[in-house]
Each structure stands twice: as structure tokens, then as C-alpha cells.
Amino acid sequence: MNSTRRLSLTSELANATALLTAAGMRVDVGNTHPDDAAEDEALALVLREATTNILRHPRATEVSIVLTPSSLTISNDGAAHEARPLRGLAALRERVTHAGGDLDIRHEGETFALHATVVRP
């Protein structure tokens, strides 16, 4: 019997919002449709990794999370001016691609954003 626990996007959204708010950041969750994508493990994984990275580099004061039935965008205003190597995000991009999706990473000034899309069957 396989007891592997699957990630829930709905749970990850609630956790991300609670953690980032508790860390003193303003979190704006917009255009959410979690029921349509609640079982999408790739989007849940992106949200979890992005939340961890924002908390690890706590310069952000504002975080935006936008969820549609086939995509997730999470951005924050706390990125360093100089880009760092994307080791963890490169591995995340590979996992999303393997799941049939795409991960776009953008760093402009102090804004850092991840945009993940998945293909719905």
C-alpha cells in the first residue's frame, strides 16, 4: 500500500497565507479558484517552495498570490538587486516540467515572481 501523502493546493494556500502574514508581510490573494486546482500537486509544490524562499530571505513586505484553474503566480517585493544562482528553483522548474507544466522565473529590481502553469486533462 502506497502511503505517499499528496500536497493539497488549498492547504498550501492557507499555510502560505498564515506563515507570510505571521512574518509581518501583507499578503494579497487574488482571483483564486482553489476548487478547480485543489489537487494540482505541481502548483502546490511551487507555492510551498516560493513561500519557503520568501521566508528564508525576509526582505519582503508585500506578497501577491494569484491562482487560476491552470496557473499560479506568486510575487514579492523583497528580492535583492543582485540575482543569486537559482539552484533550488532550477530543480523546481525541472519537477514542474516533468509534471507537464512550465515555470517562469522573473527578477526585476526588488520584485521576484514565479509563474507556474499546468496542462489540464
PDB file of N, CA and C in Angstrom:
ATOM      1  N   MET A   1       0.826  -1.177   0.000  1.00  0.00           N
ATOM      2  CA  MET A   1       0.000   0.000   0.000  1.00  0.00           C
ATOM      3  C   MET A   1       0.876   1.247   0.000  1.00  0.00           C
ATOM      4  N   ASN A   2       0.626   2.152  -0.916  1.00  0.00           N
ATOM      5  CA  ASN A   2       1.394   3.375  -1.036  1.00  0.00           C
ATOM      6  C   ASN A   2       0.781   4.439  -0.138  1.00  0.00           C
ATOM      7  N   SER A   3       1.538   4.888   0.838  1.00  0.00           N
ATOM      8  CA  SER A   3       1.026   5.885   1.768  1.00  0.00           C
ATOM      9  C   SER A   3       1.631   7.268   1.514  1.00  0.00           C
ATOM     10  N   THR A   4       2.079   7.519   0.300  1.00  0.00           N
ATOM     11  CA  THR A   4       2.657   8.802  -0.039  1.00  0.00           C
ATOM     12  C   THR A   4       1.590   9.881   0.100  1.00  0.00           C
ATOM     13  N   ARG A   5       1.925  10.895   0.844  1.00  0.00           N
ATOM     14  CA  ARG A   5       0.984  11.985   1.078  1.00  0.00           C
ATOM     15  C   ARG A   5       1.083  12.991  -0.058  1.00  0.00           C
ATOM     16  N   ARG A   6      -0.028  13.288  -0.677  1.00  0.00           N
ATOM     17  CA  ARG A   6      -0.066  14.249  -1.773  1.00  0.00           C
ATOM     18  C   ARG A   6      -0.274  15.654  -1.219  1.00  0.00           C
ATOM     19  N   LEU A   7       0.335  16.618  -1.875  1.00  0.00           N
ATOM     20  CA  LEU A   7       0.157  18.005  -1.482  1.00  0.00           C
ATOM     21  C   LEU A   7      -1.198  18.510  -1.949  1.00  0.00           C
ATOM     22  N   SER A   8      -1.835  19.310  -1.133  1.00  0.00           N
ATOM     23  CA  SER A   8      -3.110  19.932  -1.468  1.00  0.00           C
ATOM     24  C   SER A   8      -2.869  21.419  -1.693  1.00  0.00           C
ATOM     25  N   LEU A   9      -3.264  21.913  -2.841  1.00  0.00           N
ATOM     26  CA  LEU A   9      -3.085  23.329  -3.144  1.00  0.00           C
ATOM     27  C   LEU A   9      -3.904  24.188  -2.180  1.00  0.00           C
ATOM     28  N   THR A  10      -5.091  23.760  -1.837  1.00  0.00           N
ATOM     29  CA  THR A  10      -5.928  24.503  -0.896  1.00  0.00           C
ATOM     30  C   THR A  10      -5.230  24.647   0.455  1.00  0.00           C
ATOM     31  N   SER A  11      -4.654  23.563   0.951  1.00  0.00           N
ATOM     32  CA  SER A  11      -3.934  23.604   2.230  1.00  0.00           C
ATOM     33  C   SER A  11      -2.681  24.458   2.138  1.00  0.00           C
ATOM     34  N   GLU A  12      -1.940  24.324   1.038  1.00  0.00           N
ATOM     35  CA  GLU A  12      -0.722  25.114   0.859  1.00  0.00           C
ATOM     36  C   GLU A  12      -1.037  26.604   0.784  1.00  0.00           C
ATOM     37  N   LEU A  13      -2.157  26.965   0.168  1.00  0.00           N
ATOM     38  CA  LEU A  13      -2.562  28.368   0.083  1.00  0.00           C
ATOM     39  C   LEU A  13      -2.868  28.913   1.477  1.00  0.00           C
ATOM     40  N   ALA A  14      -3.589  28.142   2.272  1.00  0.00           N
ATOM     41  CA  ALA A  14      -3.898  28.561   3.644  1.00  0.00           C
ATOM     42  C   ALA A  14      -2.622  28.669   4.473  1.00  0.00           C
ATOM     43  N   ASN A  15      -1.734  27.696   4.355  1.00  0.00           N
ATOM     44  CA  ASN A  15      -0.469  27.711   5.098  1.00  0.00           C
ATOM     45  C   ASN A  15       0.408  28.892   4.684  1.00  0.00           C
ATOM     46  N   ALA A  16       0.528  29.121   3.388  1.00  0.00           N
ATOM     47  CA  ALA A  16       1.363  30.220   2.894  1.00  0.00           C
ATOM     48  C   ALA A  16       0.849  31.559   3.412  1.00  0.00           C
ATOM     49  N   THR A  17      -0.449  31.752   3.320  1.00  0.00           N
ATOM     50  CA  THR A  17      -1.039  33.000   3.787  1.00  0.00           C
ATOM     51  C   THR A  17      -0.786  33.201   5.274  1.00  0.00           C
ATOM     52  N   ALA A  18      -0.990  32.162   6.066  1.00  0.00           N
ATOM     53  CA  ALA A  18      -0.792  32.253   7.517  1.00  0.00           C
ATOM     54  C   ALA A  18       0.675  32.514   7.863  1.00  0.00           C
ATOM     55  N   LEU A  19       1.594  31.788   7.246  1.00  0.00           N
ATOM     56  CA  LEU A  19       3.021  31.935   7.552  1.00  0.00           C
ATOM     57  C   LEU A  19       3.559  33.308   7.154  1.00  0.00           C
ATOM     58  N   LEU A  20       3.207  33.746   5.964  1.00  0.00           N
ATOM     59  CA  LEU A  20       3.713  35.033   5.488  1.00  0.00           C
ATOM     60  C   LEU A  20       3.128  36.183   6.298  1.00  0.00           C
ATOM     61  N   THR A  21       1.853  36.093   6.646  1.00  0.00           N
ATOM     62  CA  THR A  21       1.217  37.118   7.474  1.00  0.00           C
ATOM     63  C   THR A  21       1.855  37.151   8.861  1.00  0.00           C
ATOM     64  N   ALA A  22       2.094  35.976   9.432  1.00  0.00           N
ATOM     65  CA  ALA A  22       2.719  35.903  10.759  1.00  0.00           C
ATOM     66  C   ALA A  22       4.131  36.488  10.745  1.00  0.00           C
ATOM     67  N   ALA A  23       4.782  36.447   9.597  1.00  0.00           N
ATOM     68  CA  ALA A  23       6.130  37.004   9.456  1.00  0.00           C
ATOM     69  C   ALA A  23       6.096  38.514   9.206  1.00  0.00           C
ATOM     70  N   GLY A  24       4.893  39.096   9.216  1.00  0.00           N
ATOM     71  CA  GLY A  24       4.758  40.547   9.081  1.00  0.00           C
ATOM     72  C   GLY A  24       4.572  41.056   7.669  1.00  0.00           C
ATOM     73  N   MET A  25       4.301  40.167   6.730  1.00  0.00           N
ATOM     74  CA  MET A  25       4.116  40.585   5.340  1.00  0.00           C
ATOM     75  C   MET A  25       2.629  40.764   5.047  1.00  0.00           C
ATOM     76  N   ARG A  26       2.337  41.714   4.158  1.00  0.00           N
ATOM     77  CA  ARG A  26       0.974  41.878   3.684  1.00  0.00           C
ATOM     78  C   ARG A  26       0.790  40.915   2.536  1.00  0.00           C
ATOM     79  N   VAL A  27      -0.235  40.080   2.620  1.00  0.00           N
ATOM     80  CA  VAL A  27      -0.466  39.058   1.600  1.00  0.00           C
ATOM     81  C   VAL A  27      -1.780  39.348   0.900  1.00  0.00           C
ATOM     82  N   ASP A  28      -1.715  39.476  -0.426  1.00  0.00           N
ATOM     83  CA  ASP A  28      -2.902  39.690  -1.241  1.00  0.00           C
ATOM     84  C   ASP A  28      -3.137  38.423  -2.057  1.00  0.00           C
ATOM     85  N   VAL A  29      -4.271  37.777  -1.808  1.00  0.00           N
ATOM     86  CA  VAL A  29      -4.626  36.575  -2.559  1.00  0.00           C
ATOM     87  C   VAL A  29      -5.744  36.979  -3.505  1.00  0.00           C
ATOM     88  N   GLY A  30      -5.453  36.916  -4.800  1.00  0.00           N
ATOM     89  CA  GLY A  30      -6.430  37.389  -5.776  1.00  0.00           C
ATOM     90  C   GLY A  30      -6.825  36.343  -6.790  1.00  0.00           C
ATOM     91  N   ASN A  31      -8.027  36.507  -7.317  1.00  0.00           N
ATOM     92  CA  ASN A  31      -8.548  35.658  -8.394  1.00  0.00           C
ATOM     93  C   ASN A  31      -8.400  34.175  -8.096  1.00  0.00           C
ATOM     94  N   THR A  32      -8.717  33.773  -6.891  1.00  0.00           N
ATOM     95  CA  THR A  32      -8.499  32.382  -6.535  1.00  0.00           C
ATOM     96  C   THR A  32      -9.638  31.486  -6.988  1.00  0.00           C
ATOM     97  N   HIS A  33      -9.255  30.337  -7.446  1.00  0.00           N
ATOM     98  CA  HIS A  33     -10.178  29.276  -7.827  1.00  0.00           C
ATOM     99  C   HIS A  33      -9.620  27.965  -7.298  1.00  0.00           C
ATOM    100  N   PRO A  34      -9.424  27.849  -5.978  1.00  0.00           N
ATOM    101  CA  PRO A  34      -8.745  26.667  -5.457  1.00  0.00           C
ATOM    102  C   PRO A  34      -9.489  25.367  -5.713  1.00  0.00           C
ATOM    103  N   ASP A  35     -10.802  25.395  -5.802  1.00  0.00           N
ATOM    104  CA  ASP A  35     -11.532  24.152  -6.038  1.00  0.00           C
ATOM    105  C   ASP A  35     -11.192  23.547  -7.396  1.00  0.00           C
ATOM    106  N   ASP A  36     -10.944  24.398  -8.374  1.00  0.00           N
ATOM    107  CA  ASP A  36     -10.623  23.926  -9.719  1.00  0.00           C
ATOM    108  C   ASP A  36      -9.242  23.294  -9.803  1.00  0.00           C
ATOM    109  N   ALA A  37      -8.327  23.716  -8.919  1.00  0.00           N
ATOM    110  CA  ALA A  37      -6.952  23.241  -8.998  1.00  0.00           C
ATOM    111  C   ALA A  37      -6.491  22.604  -7.693  1.00  0.00           C
ATOM    112  N   ALA A  38      -7.428  22.277  -6.803  1.00  0.00           N
ATOM    113  CA  ALA A  38      -7.077  21.833  -5.454  1.00  0.00           C
ATOM    114  C   ALA A  38      -6.173  20.603  -5.433  1.00  0.00           C
ATOM    115  N   GLU A  39      -6.285  19.744  -6.413  1.00  0.00           N
ATOM    116  CA  GLU A  39      -5.491  18.523  -6.417  1.00  0.00           C
ATOM    117  C   GLU A  39      -4.222  18.651  -7.238  1.00  0.00           C
ATOM    118  N   ASP A  40      -3.918  19.851  -7.691  1.00  0.00           N
ATOM    119  CA  ASP A  40      -2.741  20.010  -8.526  1.00  0.00           C
ATOM    120  C   ASP A  40      -1.484  20.079  -7.675  1.00  0.00           C
ATOM    121  N   GLU A  41      -0.789  18.976  -7.627  1.00  0.00           N
ATOM    122  CA  GLU A  41       0.399  18.858  -6.790  1.00  0.00           C
ATOM    123  C   GLU A  41       1.541  19.745  -7.285  1.00  0.00           C
ATOM    124  N   ALA A  42       1.659  19.940  -8.587  1.00  0.00           N
ATOM    125  CA  ALA A  42       2.735  20.777  -9.113  1.00  0.00           C
ATOM    126  C   ALA A  42       2.569  22.218  -8.643  1.00  0.00           C
ATOM    127  N   LEU A  43       1.355  22.754  -8.710  1.00  0.00           N
ATOM    128  CA  LEU A  43       1.128  24.123  -8.248  1.00  0.00           C
ATOM    129  C   LEU A  43       1.317  24.225  -6.738  1.00  0.00           C
ATOM    130  N   ALA A  44       0.888  23.209  -6.000  1.00  0.00           N
ATOM    131  CA  ALA A  44       1.074  23.197  -4.541  1.00  0.00           C
ATOM    132  C   ALA A  44       2.560  23.207  -4.198  1.00  0.00           C
ATOM    133  N   LEU A  45       3.335  22.460  -4.940  1.00  0.00           N
ATOM    134  CA  LEU A  45       4.779  22.399  -4.710  1.00  0.00           C
ATOM    135  C   LEU A  45       5.433  23.757  -4.982  1.00  0.00           C
ATOM    136  N   VAL A  46       5.025  24.419  -6.052  1.00  0.00           N
ATOM    137  CA  VAL A  46       5.564  25.743  -6.375  1.00  0.00           C
ATOM    138  C   VAL A  46       5.225  26.728  -5.258  1.00  0.00           C
ATOM    139  N   LEU A  47       3.985  26.693  -4.780  1.00  0.00           N
ATOM    140  CA  LEU A  47       3.586  27.600  -3.710  1.00  0.00           C
ATOM    141  C   LEU A  47       4.376  27.336  -2.436  1.00  0.00           C
ATOM    142  N   ARG A  48       4.575  26.075  -2.104  1.00  0.00           N
ATOM    143  CA  ARG A  48       5.346  25.727  -0.901  1.00  0.00           C
ATOM    144  C   ARG A  48       6.788  26.215  -1.019  1.00  0.00           C
ATOM    145  N   GLU A  49       7.426  25.966  -2.152  1.00  0.00           N
ATOM    146  CA  GLU A  49       8.818  26.375  -2.357  1.00  0.00           C
ATOM    147  C   GLU A  49       8.951  27.896  -2.358  1.00  0.00           C
ATOM    148  N   ALA A  50       8.022  28.577  -3.012  1.00  0.00           N
ATOM    149  CA  ALA A  50       8.063  30.038  -3.052  1.00  0.00           C
ATOM    150  C   ALA A  50       7.897  30.626  -1.657  1.00  0.00           C
ATOM    151  N   THR A  51       6.982  30.070  -0.877  1.00  0.00           N
ATOM    152  CA  THR A  51       6.770  30.536   0.493  1.00  0.00           C
ATOM    153  C   THR A  51       8.031  30.347   1.325  1.00  0.00           C
ATOM    154  N   THR A  52       8.637  29.182   1.204  1.00  0.00           N
ATOM    155  CA  THR A  52       9.882  28.904   1.935  1.00  0.00           C
ATOM    156  C   THR A  52      10.967  29.896   1.556  1.00  0.00           C
ATOM    157  N   ASN A  53      11.111  30.174   0.264  1.00  0.00           N
ATOM    158  CA  ASN A  53      12.138  31.111  -0.190  1.00  0.00           C
ATOM    159  C   ASN A  53      11.882  32.523   0.309  1.00  0.00           C
ATOM    160  N   ILE A  54      10.627  32.959   0.306  1.00  0.00           N
ATOM    161  CA  ILE A  54      10.299  34.302   0.791  1.00  0.00           C
ATOM    162  C   ILE A  54      10.626  34.410   2.280  1.00  0.00           C
ATOM    163  N   LEU A  55      10.302  33.378   3.035  1.00  0.00           N
ATOM    164  CA  LEU A  55      10.597  33.386   4.470  1.00  0.00           C
ATOM    165  C   LEU A  55      12.097  33.296   4.747  1.00  0.00           C
ATOM    166  N   ARG A  56      12.810  32.612   3.879  1.00  0.00           N
ATOM    167  CA  ARG A  56      14.259  32.450   4.040  1.00  0.00           C
ATOM    168  C   ARG A  56      15.001  33.760   3.764  1.00  0.00           C
ATOM    169  N   HIS A  57      14.448  34.582   2.921  1.00  0.00           N
ATOM    170  CA  HIS A  57      15.044  35.871   2.554  1.00  0.00           C
ATOM    171  C   HIS A  57      14.041  36.960   2.917  1.00  0.00           C
ATOM    172  N   PRO A  58      13.892  37.258   4.213  1.00  0.00           N
ATOM    173  CA  PRO A  58      12.753  38.050   4.697  1.00  0.00           C
ATOM    174  C   PRO A  58      12.835  39.555   4.485  1.00  0.00           C
ATOM    175  N   ARG A  59      13.105  39.982   3.294  1.00  0.00           N
ATOM    176  CA  ARG A  59      13.092  41.412   2.990  1.00  0.00           C
ATOM    177  C   ARG A  59      11.744  41.855   2.465  1.00  0.00           C
ATOM    178  N   ALA A  60      10.889  40.915   2.100  1.00  0.00           N
ATOM    179  CA  ALA A  60       9.596  41.256   1.509  1.00  0.00           C
ATOM    180  C   ALA A  60       8.663  41.891   2.532  1.00  0.00           C
ATOM    181  N   THR A  61       7.879  42.847   2.064  1.00  0.00           N
ATOM    182  CA  THR A  61       6.817  43.425   2.881  1.00  0.00           C
ATOM    183  C   THR A  61       5.458  43.113   2.272  1.00  0.00           C
ATOM    184  N   GLU A  62       5.447  42.839   0.970  1.00  0.00           N
ATOM    185  CA  GLU A  62       4.198  42.525   0.280  1.00  0.00           C
ATOM    186  C   GLU A  62       4.370  41.301  -0.602  1.00  0.00           C
ATOM    187  N   VAL A  63       3.369  40.432  -0.546  1.00  0.00           N
ATOM    188  CA  VAL A  63       3.359  39.212  -1.355  1.00  0.00           C
ATOM    189  C   VAL A  63       2.012  39.140  -2.057  1.00  0.00           C
ATOM    190  N   SER A  64       2.037  38.780  -3.318  1.00  0.00           N
ATOM    191  CA  SER A  64       0.812  38.608  -4.094  1.00  0.00           C
ATOM    192  C   SER A  64       0.743  37.165  -4.581  1.00  0.00           C
ATOM    193  N   ILE A  65      -0.419  36.551  -4.388  1.00  0.00           N
ATOM    194  CA  ILE A  65      -0.655  35.179  -4.854  1.00  0.00           C
ATOM    195  C   ILE A  65      -1.902  35.199  -5.719  1.00  0.00           C
ATOM    196  N   VAL A  66      -1.754  34.774  -6.962  1.00  0.00           N
ATOM    197  CA  VAL A  66      -2.894  34.713  -7.879  1.00  0.00           C
ATOM    198  C   VAL A  66      -2.987  33.287  -8.400  1.00  0.00           C
ATOM    199  N   LEU A  67      -4.151  32.706  -8.219  1.00  0.00           N
ATOM    200  CA  LEU A  67      -4.386  31.320  -8.606  1.00  0.00           C
ATOM    201  C   LEU A  67      -5.547  31.255  -9.588  1.00  0.00           C
ATOM    202  N   THR A  68      -5.320  30.586 -10.706  1.00  0.00           N
ATOM    203  CA  THR A  68      -6.386  30.322 -11.666  1.00  0.00           C
ATOM    204  C   THR A  68      -6.501  28.804 -11.786  1.00  0.00           C
ATOM    205  N   PRO A  69      -7.472  28.309 -12.530  1.00  0.00           N
ATOM    206  CA  PRO A  69      -7.585  26.852 -12.657  1.00  0.00           C
ATOM    207  C   PRO A  69      -6.350  26.165 -13.221  1.00  0.00           C
ATOM    208  N   SER A  70      -5.505  26.896 -13.957  1.00  0.00           N
ATOM    209  CA  SER A  70      -4.335  26.234 -14.542  1.00  0.00           C
ATOM    210  C   SER A  70      -3.016  26.948 -14.267  1.00  0.00           C
ATOM    211  N   SER A  71      -3.017  27.918 -13.343  1.00  0.00           N
ATOM    212  CA  SER A  71      -1.755  28.610 -13.083  1.00  0.00           C
ATOM    213  C   SER A  71      -1.701  29.191 -11.676  1.00  0.00           C
ATOM    214  N   LEU A  72      -0.488  29.506 -11.290  1.00  0.00           N
ATOM    215  CA  LEU A  72      -0.214  30.139 -10.007  1.00  0.00           C
ATOM    216  C   LEU A  72       0.874  31.170 -10.239  1.00  0.00           C
ATOM    217  N   THR A  73       0.645  32.376  -9.755  1.00  0.00           N
ATOM    218  CA  THR A  73       1.682  33.402  -9.776  1.00  0.00           C
ATOM    219  C   THR A  73       1.858  33.879  -8.350  1.00  0.00           C
ATOM    220  N   ILE A  74       3.103  33.896  -7.886  1.00  0.00           N
ATOM    221  CA  ILE A  74       3.422  34.422  -6.564  1.00  0.00           C
ATOM    222  C   ILE A  74       4.590  35.381  -6.727  1.00  0.00           C
ATOM    223  N   SER A  75       4.402  36.597  -6.243  1.00  0.00           N
ATOM    224  CA  SER A  75       5.455  37.599  -6.365  1.00  0.00           C
ATOM    225  C   SER A  75       5.633  38.311  -5.028  1.00  0.00           C
ATOM    226  N   ASN A  76       6.824  38.877  -4.862  1.00  0.00           N
ATOM    227  CA  ASN A  76       7.106  39.621  -3.640  1.00  0.00           C
ATOM    228  C   ASN A  76       8.052  40.770  -3.947  1.00  0.00           C
ATOM    229  N   ASP A  77       8.100  41.718  -3.021  1.00  0.00           N
ATOM    230  CA  ASP A  77       8.899  42.926  -3.221  1.00  0.00           C
ATOM    231  C   ASP A  77      10.211  42.910  -2.453  1.00  0.00           C
ATOM    232  N   GLY A  78      10.685  41.734  -2.065  1.00  0.00           N
ATOM    233  CA  GLY A  78      11.876  41.678  -1.228  1.00  0.00           C
ATOM    234  C   GLY A  78      13.099  41.059  -1.853  1.00  0.00           C
ATOM    235  N   ALA A  79      13.176  41.052  -3.171  1.00  0.00           N
ATOM    236  CA  ALA A  79      14.328  40.435  -3.835  1.00  0.00           C
ATOM    237  C   ALA A  79      15.534  41.364  -3.776  1.00  0.00           C
ATOM    238  N   ALA A  80      16.693  40.765  -3.617  1.00  0.00           N
ATOM    239  CA  ALA A  80      17.935  41.532  -3.648  1.00  0.00           C
ATOM    240  C   ALA A  80      18.150  42.052  -5.063  1.00  0.00           C
ATOM    241  N   HIS A  81      18.842  43.167  -5.174  1.00  0.00           N
ATOM    242  CA  HIS A  81      19.116  43.726  -6.502  1.00  0.00           C
ATOM    243  C   HIS A  81      19.940  42.788  -7.357  1.00  0.00           C
ATOM    244  N   GLU A  82      20.849  42.058  -6.729  1.00  0.00           N
ATOM    245  CA  GLU A  82      21.683  41.121  -7.475  1.00  0.00           C
ATOM    246  C   GLU A  82      21.055  39.741  -7.435  1.00  0.00           C
ATOM    247  N   ALA A  83      20.883  39.156  -8.596  1.00  0.00           N
ATOM    248  CA  ALA A  83      20.291  37.821  -8.671  1.00  0.00           C
ATOM    249  C   ALA A  83      21.276  36.785  -8.143  1.00  0.00           C
ATOM    250  N   ARG A  84      20.740  35.820  -7.425  1.00  0.00           N
ATOM    251  CA  ARG A  84      21.537  34.705  -6.922  1.00  0.00           C
ATOM    252  C   ARG A  84      21.339  33.508  -7.843  1.00  0.00           C
ATOM    253  N   PRO A  85      22.230  32.539  -7.765  1.00  0.00           N
ATOM    254  CA  PRO A  85      22.016  31.320  -8.552  1.00  0.00           C
ATOM    255  C   PRO A  85      20.687  30.664  -8.151  1.00  0.00           C
ATOM    256  N   LEU A  86      20.007  30.094  -9.107  1.00  0.00           N
ATOM    257  CA  LEU A  86      18.678  29.534  -8.885  1.00  0.00           C
ATOM    258  C   LEU A  86      18.722  28.025  -8.685  1.00  0.00           C
ATOM    259  N   ARG A  87      19.558  27.555  -7.793  1.00  0.00           N
ATOM    260  CA  ARG A  87      19.716  26.111  -7.602  1.00  0.00           C
ATOM    261  C   ARG A  87      18.402  25.423  -7.255  1.00  0.00           C
ATOM    262  N   GLY A  88      17.767  25.832  -6.173  1.00  0.00           N
ATOM    263  CA  GLY A  88      16.512  25.197  -5.752  1.00  0.00           C
ATOM    264  C   GLY A  88      15.397  25.417  -6.755  1.00  0.00           C
ATOM    265  N   LEU A  89      15.357  26.611  -7.334  1.00  0.00           N
ATOM    266  CA  LEU A  89      14.302  26.903  -8.309  1.00  0.00           C
ATOM    267  C   LEU A  89      14.541  26.173  -9.625  1.00  0.00           C
ATOM    268  N   ALA A  90      15.788  25.919  -9.959  1.00  0.00           N
ATOM    269  CA  ALA A  90      16.079  25.140 -11.170  1.00  0.00           C
ATOM    270  C   ALA A  90      15.555  23.719 -10.999  1.00  0.00           C
ATOM    271  N   ALA A  91      15.734  23.159  -9.813  1.00  0.00           N
ATOM    272  CA  ALA A  91      15.205  21.822  -9.541  1.00  0.00           C
ATOM    273  C   ALA A  91      13.678  21.838  -9.545  1.00  0.00           C
ATOM    274  N   LEU A  92      13.091  22.906  -9.015  1.00  0.00           N
ATOM    275  CA  LEU A  92      11.632  23.033  -9.013  1.00  0.00           C
ATOM    276  C   LEU A  92      11.114  23.139 -10.445  1.00  0.00           C
ATOM    277  N   ARG A  93      11.800  23.920 -11.271  1.00  0.00           N
ATOM    278  CA  ARG A  93      11.396  24.054 -12.679  1.00  0.00           C
ATOM    279  C   ARG A  93      11.406  22.689 -13.369  1.00  0.00           C
ATOM    280  N   GLU A  94      12.430  21.901 -13.067  1.00  0.00           N
ATOM    281  CA  GLU A  94      12.529  20.564 -13.650  1.00  0.00           C
ATOM    282  C   GLU A  94      11.346  19.682 -13.218  1.00  0.00           C
ATOM    283  N   ARG A  95      10.976  19.746 -11.957  1.00  0.00           N
ATOM    284  CA  ARG A  95       9.852  18.943 -11.455  1.00  0.00           C
ATOM    285  C   ARG A  95       8.530  19.371 -12.089  1.00  0.00           C
ATOM    286  N   VAL A  96       8.336  20.680 -12.241  1.00  0.00           N
ATOM    287  CA  VAL A  96       7.105  21.185 -12.866  1.00  0.00           C
ATOM    288  C   VAL A  96       7.062  20.775 -14.326  1.00  0.00           C
ATOM    289  N   THR A  97       8.175  20.884 -15.013  1.00  0.00           N
ATOM    290  CA  THR A  97       8.251  20.477 -16.423  1.00  0.00           C
ATOM    291  C   THR A  97       7.960  18.989 -16.560  1.00  0.00           C
ATOM    292  N   HIS A  98       8.515  18.188 -15.658  1.00  0.00           N
ATOM    293  CA  HIS A  98       8.275  16.745 -15.672  1.00  0.00           C
ATOM    294  C   HIS A  98       6.780  16.422 -15.473  1.00  0.00           C
ATOM    295  N   ALA A  99       6.083  17.276 -14.720  1.00  0.00           N
ATOM    296  CA  ALA A  99       4.650  17.080 -14.479  1.00  0.00           C
ATOM    297  C   ALA A  99       3.804  17.639 -15.626  1.00  0.00           C
ATOM    298  N   GLY A 100       4.460  18.131 -16.690  1.00  0.00           N
ATOM    299  CA  GLY A 100       3.725  18.637 -17.843  1.00  0.00           C
ATOM    300  C   GLY A 100       3.407  20.114 -17.770  1.00  0.00           C
ATOM    301  N   GLY A 101       4.121  20.832 -16.929  1.00  0.00           N
ATOM    302  CA  GLY A 101       3.862  22.258 -16.776  1.00  0.00           C
ATOM    303  C   GLY A 101       5.051  23.099 -17.180  1.00  0.00           C
ATOM    304  N   ASP A 102       4.978  24.371 -16.813  1.00  0.00           N
ATOM    305  CA  ASP A 102       6.037  25.317 -17.133  1.00  0.00           C
ATOM    306  C   ASP A 102       6.201  26.261 -15.950  1.00  0.00           C
ATOM    307  N   LEU A 103       7.432  26.625 -15.644  1.00  0.00           N
ATOM    308  CA  LEU A 103       7.719  27.548 -14.554  1.00  0.00           C
ATOM    309  C   LEU A 103       8.550  28.699 -15.085  1.00  0.00           C
ATOM    310  N   ASP A 104       8.000  29.896 -14.997  1.00  0.00           N
ATOM    311  CA  ASP A 104       8.686  31.108 -15.436  1.00  0.00           C
ATOM    312  C   ASP A 104       9.171  31.839 -14.188  1.00  0.00           C
ATOM    313  N   ILE A 105      10.435  32.217 -14.171  1.00  0.00           N
ATOM    314  CA  ILE A 105      11.043  32.898 -13.033  1.00  0.00           C
ATOM    315  C   ILE A 105      11.473  34.285 -13.493  1.00  0.00           C
ATOM    316  N   ARG A 106      11.005  35.321 -12.771  1.00  0.00           N
ATOM    317  CA  ARG A 106      11.359  36.693 -13.137  1.00  0.00           C
ATOM    318  C   ARG A 106      11.893  37.448 -11.933  1.00  0.00           C
ATOM    319  N   HIS A 107      12.965  38.185 -12.168  1.00  0.00           N
ATOM    320  CA  HIS A 107      13.579  39.008 -11.138  1.00  0.00           C
ATOM    321  C   HIS A 107      13.865  40.362 -11.762  1.00  0.00           C
ATOM    322  N   GLU A 108      13.080  41.358 -11.355  1.00  0.00           N
ATOM    323  CA  GLU A 108      13.251  42.712 -11.882  1.00  0.00           C
ATOM    324  C   GLU A 108      13.350  43.669 -10.703  1.00  0.00           C
ATOM    325  N   GLY A 109      14.512  44.268 -10.509  1.00  0.00           N
ATOM    326  CA  GLY A 109      14.705  45.159  -9.367  1.00  0.00           C
ATOM    327  C   GLY A 109      14.520  44.399  -8.070  1.00  0.00           C
ATOM    328  N   GLU A 110      13.610  44.878  -7.225  1.00  0.00           N
ATOM    329  CA  GLU A 110      13.332  44.211  -5.960  1.00  0.00           C
ATOM    330  C   GLU A 110      12.131  43.271  -6.036  1.00  0.00           C
ATOM    331  N   THR A 111      11.596  43.082  -7.237  1.00  0.00           N
ATOM    332  CA  THR A 111      10.441  42.201  -7.402  1.00  0.00           C
ATOM    333  C   THR A 111      10.890  40.849  -7.934  1.00  0.00           C
ATOM    334  N   PHE A 112      10.417  39.814  -7.266  1.00  0.00           N
ATOM    335  CA  PHE A 112      10.714  38.447  -7.689  1.00  0.00           C
ATOM    336  C   PHE A 112       9.387  37.733  -7.871  1.00  0.00           C
ATOM    337  N   ALA A 113       9.214  37.030  -8.991  1.00  0.00           N
ATOM    338  CA  ALA A 113       7.942  36.368  -9.275  1.00  0.00           C
ATOM    339  C   ALA A 113       8.162  35.004  -9.885  1.00  0.00           C
ATOM    340  N   LEU A 114       7.298  34.091  -9.483  1.00  0.00           N
ATOM    341  CA  LEU A 114       7.232  32.755 -10.079  1.00  0.00           C
ATOM    342  C   LEU A 114       5.849  32.633 -10.708  1.00  0.00           C
ATOM    343  N   HIS A 115       5.820  32.147 -11.934  1.00  0.00           N
ATOM    344  CA  HIS A 115       4.541  31.888 -12.608  1.00  0.00           C
ATOM    345  C   HIS A 115       4.579  30.457 -13.122  1.00  0.00           C
ATOM    346  N   ALA A 116       3.729  29.627 -12.547  1.00  0.00           N
ATOM    347  CA  ALA A 116       3.661  28.220 -12.950  1.00  0.00           C
ATOM    348  C   ALA A 116       2.354  27.961 -13.670  1.00  0.00           C
ATOM    349  N   THR A 117       2.440  27.237 -14.759  1.00  0.00           N
ATOM    350  CA  THR A 117       1.240  26.805 -15.471  1.00  0.00           C
ATOM    351  C   THR A 117       1.257  25.293 -15.585  1.00  0.00           C
ATOM    352  N   VAL A 118       0.084  24.721 -15.596  1.00  0.00           N
ATOM    353  CA  VAL A 118      -0.047  23.283 -15.773  1.00  0.00           C
ATOM    354  C   VAL A 118      -1.065  23.027 -16.864  1.00  0.00           C
ATOM    355  N   VAL A 119      -0.953  21.856 -17.464  1.00  0.00           N
ATOM    356  CA  VAL A 119      -1.873  21.467 -18.513  1.00  0.00           C
ATOM    357  C   VAL A 119      -2.979  20.636 -17.871  1.00  0.00           C
ATOM    358  N   ARG A 120      -4.189  21.049 -18.063  1.00  0.00           N
ATOM    359  CA  ARG A 120      -5.336  20.307 -17.539  1.00  0.00           C
ATOM    360  C   ARG A 120      -5.755  19.235 -18.531  1.00  0.00           C
ATOM    361  N   PRO A 121      -6.071  18.037 -18.031  1.00  0.00           N
ATOM    362  CA  PRO A 121      -6.509  16.956 -18.937  1.00  0.00           C
ATOM    363  C   PRO A 121      -7.849  17.260 -19.574  1.00  0.00           C
TER     364      PRO A 121
END
